[in-house]
Amino acid sequence: MSESRGGPGPAGPVVVGVDGSEASSAALAWAAEEARLRGTALRVLRAWQVPALAYGAWVLPPDSLADWEASVGSELEDQVSAVLGDRAGLEVVAEARQGPAARVLVEASASAGLLVVGSRGGGGFSALLLGSVSLQVAHHASCPVVIVRRG
């Protein structure tokens, strides 16, 4: 995994959390432009977990975790390609990491210059609320956080 020109702080990479949603695509586009303006790398993270149902009635075959991670990684690359298209002039590191999204992003914030996430507000009163991941990273990140709203 490559880091940007510099360590934690303003010169660290712009880190963005994505999950395949429209809100995270908006955050990805915003973060890419911010990374270009800062002249730093863009680190795109997608957290994944095996659904709790998998621990119940059946046992996961040994290859399942690797298959699951590969599938999530493929979806991540598809989202990055669809949103960013030509990545000329921008160092992009995309990574799927196992674990709860908030924890994965807060850990990544330790070496980031900025952490970006999307807000999943659905309109009306719910548009005033932050999602649980947005709320967690806003409270616990080690760097500044931007929450990008759709529209």
Protein backbone atom coordinates (compact mmCIF):
# COMPACT_ATOMS: atom_id res chain seq x y z
CA MET A 1 0.00 0.00 0.00
CA SER A 2 1.52 3.31 -0.93
CA GLU A 3 1.23 6.51 1.02
CA SER A 4 1.44 10.03 -0.29
CA ARG A 5 4.34 12.43 -0.19
CA GLY A 6 4.54 12.96 3.51
CA GLY A 7 3.21 11.51 6.68
CA PRO A 8 0.15 12.21 8.73
CA GLY A 9 -1.28 15.69 8.72
CA PRO A 10 -2.06 18.02 5.84
CA ALA A 11 0.43 16.29 3.51
CA GLY A 12 -1.03 12.82 4.14
CA PRO A 13 -3.36 11.22 1.61
CA VAL A 14 -7.01 12.04 1.23
CA VAL A 15 -8.84 8.93 2.44
CA VAL A 16 -12.40 8.24 1.27
CA GLY A 17 -14.71 5.49 2.42
CA VAL A 18 -17.00 3.95 -0.19
CA ASP A 19 -19.66 1.25 -0.15
CA GLY A 20 -21.03 1.23 -3.69
CA SER A 21 -23.84 3.67 -2.89
CA GLU A 22 -24.63 6.94 -4.72
CA ALA A 23 -23.69 8.84 -1.57
CA SER A 24 -20.25 7.24 -1.47
CA SER A 25 -19.76 7.90 -5.20
CA ALA A 26 -20.41 11.60 -4.52
CA ALA A 27 -17.86 11.47 -1.70
CA LEU A 28 -15.36 9.72 -3.99
CA ALA A 29 -15.70 12.39 -6.69
CA TRP A 30 -15.30 15.17 -4.10
CA ALA A 31 -12.29 13.47 -2.48
CA ALA A 32 -10.58 12.95 -5.84
CA GLU A 33 -10.82 16.64 -6.66
CA GLU A 34 -9.54 17.55 -3.19
CA ALA A 35 -6.58 15.17 -3.58
CA ARG A 36 -5.76 16.77 -6.94
CA LEU A 37 -5.89 20.24 -5.39
CA ARG A 38 -3.67 19.15 -2.50
CA GLY A 39 -1.23 17.31 -4.78
CA THR A 40 -1.51 14.16 -2.69
CA ALA A 41 -2.65 10.57 -3.13
CA LEU A 42 -6.24 9.41 -2.93
CA ARG A 43 -6.75 6.31 -0.79
CA VAL A 44 -10.13 4.67 -1.44
CA LEU A 45 -11.26 2.21 1.23
CA ARG A 46 -14.15 -0.21 1.24
CA ALA A 47 -14.73 -2.14 4.45
CA TRP A 48 -16.40 -5.52 4.31
CA GLN A 49 -17.67 -8.11 6.74
CA VAL A 50 -19.20 -11.52 6.39
CA PRO A 51 -22.90 -11.11 7.16
CA ALA A 52 -23.91 -12.33 10.63
CA LEU A 53 -26.20 -14.87 8.97
CA ALA A 54 -23.10 -16.70 7.79
CA TYR A 55 -22.17 -17.57 11.36
CA GLY A 56 -25.52 -19.23 12.03
CA ALA A 57 -26.87 -22.29 10.27
CA TRP A 58 -23.96 -23.09 8.00
CA VAL A 59 -20.17 -23.08 8.03
CA LEU A 60 -18.19 -21.06 5.54
CA PRO A 61 -16.05 -23.12 3.18
CA PRO A 62 -12.31 -22.30 3.52
CA ASP A 63 -12.21 -20.39 0.22
CA SER A 64 -15.26 -18.26 1.04
CA LEU A 65 -13.43 -15.39 2.77
CA ALA A 66 -10.97 -15.04 -0.10
CA ASP A 67 -13.84 -15.20 -2.61
CA TRP A 68 -15.81 -12.63 -0.63
CA GLU A 69 -12.84 -10.27 -0.45
CA ALA A 70 -12.18 -10.68 -4.19
CA SER A 71 -15.82 -9.89 -4.97
CA VAL A 72 -15.75 -6.76 -2.81
CA GLY A 73 -12.44 -5.73 -4.39
CA SER A 74 -13.94 -6.11 -7.86
CA GLU A 75 -16.96 -4.01 -6.88
CA LEU A 76 -14.59 -1.39 -5.45
CA GLU A 77 -12.58 -1.20 -8.68
CA ASP A 78 -15.81 -0.91 -10.68
CA GLN A 79 -16.98 2.01 -8.53
CA VAL A 80 -13.62 3.78 -8.71
CA SER A 81 -13.50 3.37 -12.50
CA ALA A 82 -17.11 4.52 -12.96
CA VAL A 83 -16.68 7.62 -10.80
CA LEU A 84 -13.13 8.67 -11.63
CA GLY A 85 -12.72 7.47 -15.20
CA ASP A 86 -9.33 8.75 -16.35
CA ARG A 87 -7.07 8.97 -13.30
CA ALA A 88 -4.35 10.95 -15.05
CA GLY A 89 -2.31 12.99 -12.63
CA LEU A 90 -3.81 11.35 -9.54
CA GLU A 91 -2.30 8.54 -7.51
CA VAL A 92 -5.21 6.28 -6.50
CA VAL A 93 -4.84 3.40 -4.08
CA ALA A 94 -8.02 1.34 -3.70
CA GLU A 95 -8.24 -1.26 -0.96
CA ALA A 96 -10.91 -3.56 0.45
CA ARG A 97 -10.35 -4.17 4.16
CA GLN A 98 -12.15 -6.61 6.41
CA GLY A 99 -13.84 -5.06 9.43
CA PRO A 100 -16.57 -2.64 10.47
CA ALA A 101 -16.55 0.45 8.24
CA ALA A 102 -16.23 2.99 11.04
CA ARG A 103 -13.27 1.16 12.61
CA VAL A 104 -11.48 0.71 9.27
CA LEU A 105 -11.87 4.41 8.43
CA VAL A 106 -10.88 5.68 11.89
CA GLU A 107 -7.73 3.53 11.75
CA ALA A 108 -6.91 4.91 8.29
CA SER A 109 -7.36 8.47 9.58
CA ALA A 110 -4.18 8.12 11.66
CA SER A 111 -2.04 8.64 8.54
CA ALA A 112 -4.47 10.77 6.51
CA GLY A 113 -4.54 14.46 5.80
CA LEU A 114 -8.32 14.32 5.35
CA LEU A 115 -11.04 11.68 5.69
CA VAL A 116 -14.11 11.89 3.41
CA VAL A 117 -17.36 9.94 3.70
CA GLY A 118 -20.81 10.26 2.19
CA SER A 119 -24.02 10.98 4.04
CA ARG A 120 -26.96 8.75 3.30
CA GLY A 121 -29.75 11.22 4.15
CA GLY A 122 -32.89 10.32 2.23
CA GLY A 123 -34.70 13.65 2.16
CA GLY A 124 -37.04 15.41 4.55
CA PHE A 125 -36.26 14.96 8.22
CA SER A 126 -33.94 12.01 7.56
CA ALA A 127 -31.73 14.26 5.41
CA LEU A 128 -30.84 16.13 8.59
CA LEU A 129 -29.41 12.99 10.16
CA LEU A 130 -25.97 11.47 9.72
CA GLY A 131 -25.45 7.78 9.10
CA SER A 132 -23.82 5.75 11.85
CA VAL A 133 -20.48 5.51 10.01
CA SER A 134 -20.42 9.28 9.35
CA LEU A 135 -21.19 9.97 12.98
CA GLN A 136 -18.51 7.57 14.24
CA VAL A 137 -15.75 8.93 12.03
CA ALA A 138 -16.72 12.54 12.80
CA HIS A 139 -16.25 11.81 16.49
CA HIS A 140 -13.22 9.53 16.42
CA ALA A 141 -11.03 10.33 13.38
CA SER A 142 -7.47 11.56 13.91
CA CYS A 143 -7.69 14.06 11.05
CA PRO A 144 -10.25 16.52 9.67
CA VAL A 145 -13.41 14.88 8.29
CA VAL A 146 -15.64 15.98 5.40
CA ILE A 147 -19.12 14.50 5.06
CA VAL A 148 -20.38 14.94 1.51
CA ARG A 149 -24.13 15.22 1.04
CA ARG A 150 -25.83 14.33 -2.21
CA GLY A 151 -27.47 17.11 -4.20
